[in-house]
Amino acid sequence: MPKYPIVAVFFVFSLLSSLAVANQTEVVFPQTAVQVKNNTYTLEYAHTFEQRAQGLMHRESMCENCGMLFNFQQARMASMWMKNTLIPLDIAFIRADGIITDIKAMQPHDLSTTNASQPVYYAWEMNQGWFAKNGIQVGDTVTISAK
């Protein structure tokens, strides 16, 4: 038994607390702009692995014109899921040339994957119904300011 049990307990508690805080580092998202149908929207920009992994998880709400653009760094058959995502979203998959290939609805906490129908470079997530409300459709061209 340690000579100073309170000091030992304090040390262990401090160590565990610092490890817990280290694992809760907040992912910071820069912003980018996209333009479609003569309208420009400012979005959070997920272009690193850590940012793409975090995405819109744990958010209880999102403003009407807020969203996130995911950059996969290369064309691929992208798939997304809604693990730890609390709000219903729509996702638009976008090819490297800016053409929207798919717009699909995703439900909170759904662990099944939502897949692009062809290789895409980007995925754009918004509140569910936002794309339809704004007249944005499959086949529209999106111009992205940050590549």
N, C-alpha and C. Protein backbone atom coordinates (compact mmCIF):
# COMPACT_ATOMS: atom_id res chain seq x y z
N MET A 1 0.85 -1.17 0.00
CA MET A 1 0.00 0.00 0.00
C MET A 1 0.90 1.23 0.00
N PRO A 2 0.58 2.20 -0.88
CA PRO A 2 1.41 3.40 -0.95
C PRO A 2 1.39 4.17 0.35
N LYS A 3 2.48 4.84 0.61
CA LYS A 3 2.61 5.62 1.82
C LYS A 3 1.65 6.81 1.80
N TYR A 4 1.36 7.30 0.59
CA TYR A 4 0.48 8.46 0.44
C TYR A 4 -0.69 8.08 -0.48
N PRO A 5 -1.71 7.37 0.04
CA PRO A 5 -2.79 6.87 -0.80
C PRO A 5 -3.58 7.99 -1.49
N ILE A 6 -3.76 9.10 -0.85
CA ILE A 6 -4.52 10.20 -1.47
C ILE A 6 -3.76 10.75 -2.67
N VAL A 7 -2.44 10.87 -2.55
CA VAL A 7 -1.63 11.36 -3.67
C VAL A 7 -1.70 10.38 -4.83
N ALA A 8 -1.64 9.09 -4.57
CA ALA A 8 -1.71 8.07 -5.62
C ALA A 8 -3.06 8.12 -6.32
N VAL A 9 -4.13 8.22 -5.57
CA VAL A 9 -5.47 8.31 -6.14
C VAL A 9 -5.59 9.57 -6.99
N PHE A 10 -5.10 10.68 -6.50
CA PHE A 10 -5.15 11.94 -7.25
C PHE A 10 -4.37 11.82 -8.56
N PHE A 11 -3.19 11.19 -8.51
CA PHE A 11 -2.37 11.02 -9.71
C PHE A 11 -3.11 10.18 -10.75
N VAL A 12 -3.68 9.06 -10.34
CA VAL A 12 -4.42 8.18 -11.27
C VAL A 12 -5.61 8.94 -11.85
N PHE A 13 -6.36 9.64 -11.02
CA PHE A 13 -7.51 10.41 -11.49
C PHE A 13 -7.08 11.47 -12.50
N SER A 14 -6.00 12.17 -12.22
CA SER A 14 -5.50 13.21 -13.13
C SER A 14 -5.08 12.62 -14.47
N LEU A 15 -4.40 11.48 -14.42
CA LEU A 15 -3.96 10.82 -15.64
C LEU A 15 -5.16 10.40 -16.48
N LEU A 16 -6.14 9.78 -15.87
CA LEU A 16 -7.33 9.34 -16.61
C LEU A 16 -8.11 10.53 -17.17
N SER A 17 -8.21 11.60 -16.42
CA SER A 17 -8.92 12.79 -16.89
C SER A 17 -8.22 13.40 -18.10
N SER A 18 -6.90 13.47 -18.06
CA SER A 18 -6.17 14.06 -19.19
C SER A 18 -6.30 13.18 -20.42
N LEU A 19 -6.35 11.87 -20.28
CA LEU A 19 -6.54 10.98 -21.42
C LEU A 19 -7.94 11.15 -22.00
N ALA A 20 -8.93 11.32 -21.17
CA ALA A 20 -10.30 11.52 -21.65
C ALA A 20 -10.41 12.82 -22.43
N VAL A 21 -9.79 13.87 -21.96
CA VAL A 21 -9.83 15.16 -22.66
C VAL A 21 -9.07 15.05 -23.98
N ALA A 22 -7.97 14.33 -24.00
CA ALA A 22 -7.18 14.19 -25.23
C ALA A 22 -7.98 13.47 -26.31
N ASN A 23 -8.86 12.55 -25.94
CA ASN A 23 -9.65 11.81 -26.91
C ASN A 23 -10.86 12.60 -27.39
N GLN A 24 -11.15 13.74 -26.81
CA GLN A 24 -12.31 14.53 -27.19
C GLN A 24 -11.91 15.78 -27.96
N THR A 25 -10.81 15.73 -28.68
CA THR A 25 -10.40 16.89 -29.44
C THR A 25 -11.44 17.19 -30.49
N GLU A 26 -11.77 18.45 -30.61
CA GLU A 26 -12.80 18.87 -31.55
C GLU A 26 -12.19 19.02 -32.94
N VAL A 27 -12.85 18.45 -33.92
CA VAL A 27 -12.42 18.58 -35.30
C VAL A 27 -12.88 19.94 -35.80
N VAL A 28 -11.97 20.69 -36.38
CA VAL A 28 -12.28 22.02 -36.90
C VAL A 28 -12.45 21.92 -38.42
N PHE A 29 -13.51 22.55 -38.92
CA PHE A 29 -13.79 22.52 -40.35
C PHE A 29 -13.60 23.90 -40.95
N PRO A 30 -12.77 24.02 -41.99
CA PRO A 30 -12.72 25.28 -42.72
C PRO A 30 -14.00 25.43 -43.54
N GLN A 31 -14.14 26.54 -44.22
CA GLN A 31 -15.32 26.76 -45.06
C GLN A 31 -14.91 26.81 -46.52
N THR A 32 -15.86 26.47 -47.36
CA THR A 32 -15.69 26.59 -48.80
C THR A 32 -17.01 27.08 -49.37
N ALA A 33 -16.98 27.49 -50.61
CA ALA A 33 -18.20 27.95 -51.28
C ALA A 33 -18.48 27.07 -52.48
N VAL A 34 -19.76 26.81 -52.70
CA VAL A 34 -20.20 26.12 -53.90
C VAL A 34 -21.23 27.00 -54.59
N GLN A 35 -21.27 26.89 -55.90
CA GLN A 35 -22.25 27.65 -56.67
C GLN A 35 -23.04 26.68 -57.54
N VAL A 36 -24.35 26.83 -57.51
CA VAL A 36 -25.23 26.03 -58.34
C VAL A 36 -26.46 26.88 -58.65
N LYS A 37 -26.90 26.87 -59.90
CA LYS A 37 -28.08 27.63 -60.33
C LYS A 37 -28.00 29.10 -59.93
N ASN A 38 -26.84 29.70 -60.14
CA ASN A 38 -26.60 31.13 -59.86
C ASN A 38 -26.71 31.51 -58.39
N ASN A 39 -26.68 30.55 -57.49
CA ASN A 39 -26.66 30.82 -56.05
C ASN A 39 -25.37 30.26 -55.46
N THR A 40 -24.81 31.01 -54.51
CA THR A 40 -23.59 30.58 -53.83
C THR A 40 -23.93 30.23 -52.39
N TYR A 41 -23.40 29.09 -51.93
CA TYR A 41 -23.63 28.62 -50.57
C TYR A 41 -22.28 28.40 -49.89
N THR A 42 -22.16 28.86 -48.66
CA THR A 42 -20.96 28.63 -47.85
C THR A 42 -21.20 27.38 -47.02
N LEU A 43 -20.26 26.43 -47.12
CA LEU A 43 -20.39 25.15 -46.45
C LEU A 43 -19.16 24.85 -45.61
N GLU A 44 -19.33 24.01 -44.61
CA GLU A 44 -18.17 23.46 -43.92
C GLU A 44 -17.50 22.49 -44.88
N TYR A 45 -16.17 22.39 -44.79
CA TYR A 45 -15.40 21.66 -45.78
C TYR A 45 -14.61 20.54 -45.11
N ALA A 46 -14.98 19.31 -45.42
CA ALA A 46 -14.32 18.12 -44.86
C ALA A 46 -13.40 17.53 -45.93
N HIS A 47 -12.11 17.87 -45.85
CA HIS A 47 -11.17 17.39 -46.87
C HIS A 47 -10.04 16.54 -46.31
N THR A 48 -9.96 16.39 -44.99
CA THR A 48 -8.97 15.47 -44.41
C THR A 48 -9.69 14.22 -43.92
N PHE A 49 -8.93 13.17 -43.66
CA PHE A 49 -9.53 11.94 -43.16
C PHE A 49 -10.30 12.19 -41.87
N GLU A 50 -9.70 12.93 -40.93
CA GLU A 50 -10.34 13.19 -39.65
C GLU A 50 -11.64 13.98 -39.82
N GLN A 51 -11.63 14.97 -40.70
CA GLN A 51 -12.83 15.76 -40.94
C GLN A 51 -13.92 14.91 -41.59
N ARG A 52 -13.56 14.11 -42.58
CA ARG A 52 -14.56 13.25 -43.24
C ARG A 52 -15.12 12.23 -42.25
N ALA A 53 -14.29 11.70 -41.36
CA ALA A 53 -14.75 10.72 -40.38
C ALA A 53 -15.74 11.35 -39.40
N GLN A 54 -15.51 12.58 -38.99
CA GLN A 54 -16.40 13.27 -38.05
C GLN A 54 -17.69 13.73 -38.73
N GLY A 55 -17.55 14.36 -39.89
CA GLY A 55 -18.72 14.84 -40.63
C GLY A 55 -19.68 15.62 -39.76
N LEU A 56 -20.96 15.34 -39.91
CA LEU A 56 -22.00 16.06 -39.17
C LEU A 56 -22.49 15.27 -37.94
N MET A 57 -21.66 14.38 -37.43
CA MET A 57 -22.03 13.60 -36.24
C MET A 57 -22.30 14.50 -35.04
N HIS A 58 -23.21 14.05 -34.18
CA HIS A 58 -23.49 14.63 -32.86
C HIS A 58 -24.15 16.01 -32.91
N ARG A 59 -24.58 16.47 -34.06
CA ARG A 59 -25.24 17.78 -34.14
C ARG A 59 -26.73 17.60 -33.95
N GLU A 60 -27.30 18.44 -33.11
CA GLU A 60 -28.73 18.34 -32.83
C GLU A 60 -29.57 19.12 -33.83
N SER A 61 -28.95 20.06 -34.53
CA SER A 61 -29.66 20.84 -35.54
C SER A 61 -28.64 21.47 -36.47
N MET A 62 -29.14 22.02 -37.57
CA MET A 62 -28.28 22.70 -38.52
C MET A 62 -29.12 23.81 -39.15
N CYS A 63 -28.55 24.98 -39.33
CA CYS A 63 -29.31 26.10 -39.89
C CYS A 63 -29.81 25.75 -41.29
N GLU A 64 -30.77 26.50 -41.78
CA GLU A 64 -31.46 26.17 -43.03
C GLU A 64 -30.52 26.00 -44.23
N ASN A 65 -29.57 26.90 -44.41
CA ASN A 65 -28.67 26.83 -45.56
C ASN A 65 -27.28 26.36 -45.19
N CYS A 66 -27.14 25.71 -44.06
CA CYS A 66 -25.85 25.16 -43.64
C CYS A 66 -25.71 23.74 -44.17
N GLY A 67 -24.48 23.34 -44.38
CA GLY A 67 -24.22 21.99 -44.84
C GLY A 67 -22.74 21.70 -44.84
N MET A 68 -22.37 20.56 -45.42
CA MET A 68 -20.98 20.16 -45.44
C MET A 68 -20.64 19.55 -46.80
N LEU A 69 -19.47 19.92 -47.30
CA LEU A 69 -18.94 19.35 -48.53
C LEU A 69 -17.78 18.43 -48.16
N PHE A 70 -17.86 17.17 -48.59
CA PHE A 70 -16.81 16.18 -48.37
C PHE A 70 -16.00 16.06 -49.65
N ASN A 71 -14.68 16.19 -49.55
CA ASN A 71 -13.78 16.02 -50.68
C ASN A 71 -13.02 14.71 -50.46
N PHE A 72 -13.20 13.76 -51.37
CA PHE A 72 -12.57 12.44 -51.24
C PHE A 72 -11.16 12.40 -51.81
N GLN A 73 -10.67 13.50 -52.37
CA GLN A 73 -9.32 13.63 -52.90
C GLN A 73 -9.08 12.87 -54.21
N GLN A 74 -10.00 12.01 -54.59
CA GLN A 74 -9.93 11.29 -55.87
C GLN A 74 -11.31 10.71 -56.14
N ALA A 75 -11.58 10.44 -57.40
CA ALA A 75 -12.87 9.84 -57.75
C ALA A 75 -12.94 8.43 -57.18
N ARG A 76 -14.08 8.11 -56.57
CA ARG A 76 -14.27 6.77 -56.01
C ARG A 76 -15.75 6.47 -55.87
N MET A 77 -16.05 5.20 -55.68
CA MET A 77 -17.44 4.78 -55.44
C MET A 77 -17.72 5.06 -53.96
N ALA A 78 -18.15 6.26 -53.68
CA ALA A 78 -18.32 6.71 -52.30
C ALA A 78 -19.56 6.10 -51.66
N SER A 79 -19.46 5.91 -50.36
CA SER A 79 -20.61 5.49 -49.56
C SER A 79 -20.55 6.22 -48.23
N MET A 80 -21.72 6.56 -47.72
CA MET A 80 -21.82 7.31 -46.46
C MET A 80 -22.82 6.60 -45.56
N TRP A 81 -22.68 6.83 -44.25
CA TRP A 81 -23.64 6.31 -43.29
C TRP A 81 -23.97 7.38 -42.28
N MET A 82 -24.90 7.09 -41.39
CA MET A 82 -25.40 8.09 -40.46
C MET A 82 -25.10 7.75 -39.01
N LYS A 83 -24.02 7.03 -38.77
CA LYS A 83 -23.64 6.69 -37.40
C LYS A 83 -23.47 7.97 -36.58
N ASN A 84 -24.10 8.03 -35.42
CA ASN A 84 -24.03 9.16 -34.50
C ASN A 84 -24.51 10.48 -35.12
N THR A 85 -25.27 10.40 -36.18
CA THR A 85 -25.83 11.60 -36.82
C THR A 85 -27.28 11.71 -36.37
N LEU A 86 -27.62 12.84 -35.79
CA LEU A 86 -28.90 13.01 -35.10
C LEU A 86 -29.98 13.65 -35.95
N ILE A 87 -29.63 14.20 -37.11
CA ILE A 87 -30.59 14.93 -37.94
C ILE A 87 -30.72 14.26 -39.31
N PRO A 88 -31.94 14.28 -39.90
CA PRO A 88 -32.10 13.70 -41.25
C PRO A 88 -31.42 14.59 -42.29
N LEU A 89 -30.73 13.96 -43.21
CA LEU A 89 -29.96 14.68 -44.22
C LEU A 89 -30.29 14.18 -45.62
N ASP A 90 -30.03 15.03 -46.61
CA ASP A 90 -29.96 14.62 -48.01
C ASP A 90 -28.50 14.72 -48.41
N ILE A 91 -28.10 13.84 -49.31
CA ILE A 91 -26.73 13.86 -49.80
C ILE A 91 -26.75 13.92 -51.32
N ALA A 92 -25.94 14.81 -51.87
CA ALA A 92 -25.74 14.89 -53.31
C ALA A 92 -24.32 14.41 -53.59
N PHE A 93 -24.20 13.40 -54.43
CA PHE A 93 -22.89 12.93 -54.86
C PHE A 93 -22.51 13.69 -56.13
N ILE A 94 -21.25 14.13 -56.21
CA ILE A 94 -20.82 15.03 -57.28
C ILE A 94 -19.53 14.50 -57.91
N ARG A 95 -19.54 14.41 -59.25
CA ARG A 95 -18.33 13.99 -59.97
C ARG A 95 -17.29 15.10 -59.95
N ALA A 96 -16.07 14.78 -60.38
CA ALA A 96 -14.98 15.76 -60.43
C ALA A 96 -15.31 16.94 -61.34
N ASP A 97 -16.15 16.71 -62.38
CA ASP A 97 -16.53 17.79 -63.29
C ASP A 97 -17.69 18.63 -62.76
N GLY A 98 -18.16 18.34 -61.53
CA GLY A 98 -19.20 19.13 -60.89
C GLY A 98 -20.62 18.66 -61.14
N ILE A 99 -20.82 17.62 -61.92
CA ILE A 99 -22.16 17.11 -62.20
C ILE A 99 -22.68 16.31 -61.01
N ILE A 100 -23.91 16.62 -60.57
CA ILE A 100 -24.56 15.86 -59.50
C ILE A 100 -25.07 14.55 -60.09
N THR A 101 -24.60 13.44 -59.53
CA THR A 101 -24.98 12.11 -60.02
C THR A 101 -26.18 11.52 -59.28
N ASP A 102 -26.32 11.86 -58.01
CA ASP A 102 -27.38 11.29 -57.17
C ASP A 102 -27.73 12.29 -56.09
N ILE A 103 -28.99 12.28 -55.68
CA ILE A 103 -29.41 12.96 -54.45
C ILE A 103 -30.25 11.94 -53.70
N LYS A 104 -29.83 11.64 -52.47
CA LYS A 104 -30.49 10.60 -51.69
C LYS A 104 -30.77 11.08 -50.27
N ALA A 105 -31.85 10.57 -49.70
CA ALA A 105 -32.22 10.89 -48.32
C ALA A 105 -31.56 9.90 -47.37
N MET A 106 -31.14 10.40 -46.21
CA MET A 106 -30.52 9.55 -45.17
C MET A 106 -31.19 9.86 -43.84
N GLN A 107 -31.42 8.81 -43.06
CA GLN A 107 -32.12 8.93 -41.78
C GLN A 107 -31.14 8.88 -40.60
N PRO A 108 -31.47 9.59 -39.51
CA PRO A 108 -30.59 9.58 -38.33
C PRO A 108 -30.31 8.17 -37.83
N HIS A 109 -29.09 7.95 -37.40
CA HIS A 109 -28.62 6.70 -36.78
C HIS A 109 -28.64 5.48 -37.70
N ASP A 110 -28.90 5.65 -39.00
CA ASP A 110 -28.97 4.53 -39.92
C ASP A 110 -27.55 4.06 -40.25
N LEU A 111 -27.26 2.81 -39.93
CA LEU A 111 -25.92 2.28 -40.16
C LEU A 111 -25.75 1.64 -41.54
N SER A 112 -26.83 1.60 -42.32
CA SER A 112 -26.67 1.09 -43.69
C SER A 112 -26.00 2.17 -44.53
N THR A 113 -25.34 1.76 -45.60
CA THR A 113 -24.62 2.73 -46.41
C THR A 113 -25.51 3.29 -47.51
N THR A 114 -25.27 4.55 -47.82
CA THR A 114 -25.90 5.22 -48.96
C THR A 114 -24.79 5.41 -49.98
N ASN A 115 -24.99 4.83 -51.17
CA ASN A 115 -23.90 4.73 -52.14
C ASN A 115 -24.11 5.63 -53.35
N ALA A 116 -23.02 6.13 -53.89
CA ALA A 116 -23.05 6.84 -55.17
C ALA A 116 -23.23 5.79 -56.27
N SER A 117 -23.88 6.21 -57.36
CA SER A 117 -24.13 5.29 -58.47
C SER A 117 -22.94 5.19 -59.43
N GLN A 118 -21.97 6.10 -59.27
CA GLN A 118 -20.78 6.10 -60.12
C GLN A 118 -19.65 6.77 -59.35
N PRO A 119 -18.43 6.68 -59.82
CA PRO A 119 -17.32 7.32 -59.09
C PRO A 119 -17.54 8.83 -58.96
N VAL A 120 -17.35 9.34 -57.74
CA VAL A 120 -17.54 10.76 -57.44
C VAL A 120 -16.33 11.30 -56.68
N TYR A 121 -16.19 12.59 -56.73
CA TYR A 121 -15.09 13.27 -56.05
C TYR A 121 -15.57 13.93 -54.77
N TYR A 122 -16.86 14.28 -54.73
CA TYR A 122 -17.43 15.04 -53.61
C TYR A 122 -18.76 14.44 -53.16
N ALA A 123 -19.12 14.74 -51.91
CA ALA A 123 -20.46 14.51 -51.39
C ALA A 123 -20.87 15.79 -50.66
N TRP A 124 -22.11 16.22 -50.86
CA TRP A 124 -22.62 17.46 -50.28
C TRP A 124 -23.83 17.12 -49.44
N GLU A 125 -23.74 17.33 -48.12
CA GLU A 125 -24.85 17.03 -47.21
C GLU A 125 -25.54 18.31 -46.76
N MET A 126 -26.89 18.25 -46.79
CA MET A 126 -27.75 19.36 -46.35
C MET A 126 -28.91 18.76 -45.57
N ASN A 127 -29.68 19.63 -44.90
CA ASN A 127 -30.89 19.16 -44.23
C ASN A 127 -31.79 18.45 -45.23
N GLN A 128 -32.51 17.43 -44.74
CA GLN A 128 -33.37 16.66 -45.63
C GLN A 128 -34.42 17.57 -46.27
N GLY A 129 -34.58 17.43 -47.57
CA GLY A 129 -35.54 18.23 -48.35
C GLY A 129 -34.97 19.51 -48.92
N TRP A 130 -33.75 19.88 -48.50
CA TRP A 130 -33.17 21.15 -48.92
C TRP A 130 -32.94 21.21 -50.43
N PHE A 131 -32.39 20.15 -51.02
CA PHE A 131 -32.11 20.17 -52.46
C PHE A 131 -33.40 20.36 -53.26
N ALA A 132 -34.45 19.61 -52.92
CA ALA A 132 -35.73 19.74 -53.62
C ALA A 132 -36.31 21.14 -53.44
N LYS A 133 -36.26 21.65 -52.22
CA LYS A 133 -36.79 22.99 -51.93
C LYS A 133 -36.08 24.07 -52.75
N ASN A 134 -34.81 23.85 -53.05
CA ASN A 134 -34.02 24.83 -53.78
C ASN A 134 -33.89 24.50 -55.28
N GLY A 135 -34.66 23.51 -55.74
CA GLY A 135 -34.68 23.18 -57.16
C GLY A 135 -33.40 22.59 -57.70
N ILE A 136 -32.59 22.01 -56.82
CA ILE A 136 -31.32 21.40 -57.24
C ILE A 136 -31.58 19.92 -57.50
N GLN A 137 -31.15 19.46 -58.69
CA GLN A 137 -31.48 18.13 -59.16
C GLN A 137 -30.26 17.38 -59.69
N VAL A 138 -30.44 16.07 -59.85
CA VAL A 138 -29.43 15.25 -60.52
C VAL A 138 -29.22 15.84 -61.92
N GLY A 139 -27.94 15.96 -62.31
CA GLY A 139 -27.59 16.52 -63.61
C GLY A 139 -27.17 17.97 -63.55
N ASP A 140 -27.53 18.67 -62.45
CA ASP A 140 -27.09 20.06 -62.28
C ASP A 140 -25.58 20.10 -62.09
N THR A 141 -24.98 21.25 -62.44
CA THR A 141 -23.53 21.43 -62.28
C THR A 141 -23.24 22.31 -61.09
N VAL A 142 -22.33 21.85 -60.25
CA VAL A 142 -21.89 22.57 -59.05
C VAL A 142 -20.46 23.06 -59.29
N THR A 143 -20.21 24.33 -59.03
CA THR A 143 -18.86 24.88 -59.09
C THR A 143 -18.35 24.99 -57.67
N ILE A 144 -17.18 24.42 -57.41
CA ILE A 144 -16.63 24.36 -56.05
C ILE A 144 -15.38 25.24 -56.01
N SER A 145 -15.36 26.17 -55.02
CA SER A 145 -14.25 27.11 -54.96
C SER A 145 -12.95 26.49 -54.48
N ALA A 146 -13.00 25.59 -53.51
CA ALA A 146 -11.79 24.92 -52.98
C ALA A 146 -11.73 23.53 -53.57
N LYS A 147 -10.57 23.17 -54.07
CA LYS A 147 -10.45 21.83 -54.68
C LYS A 147 -9.54 20.96 -53.86
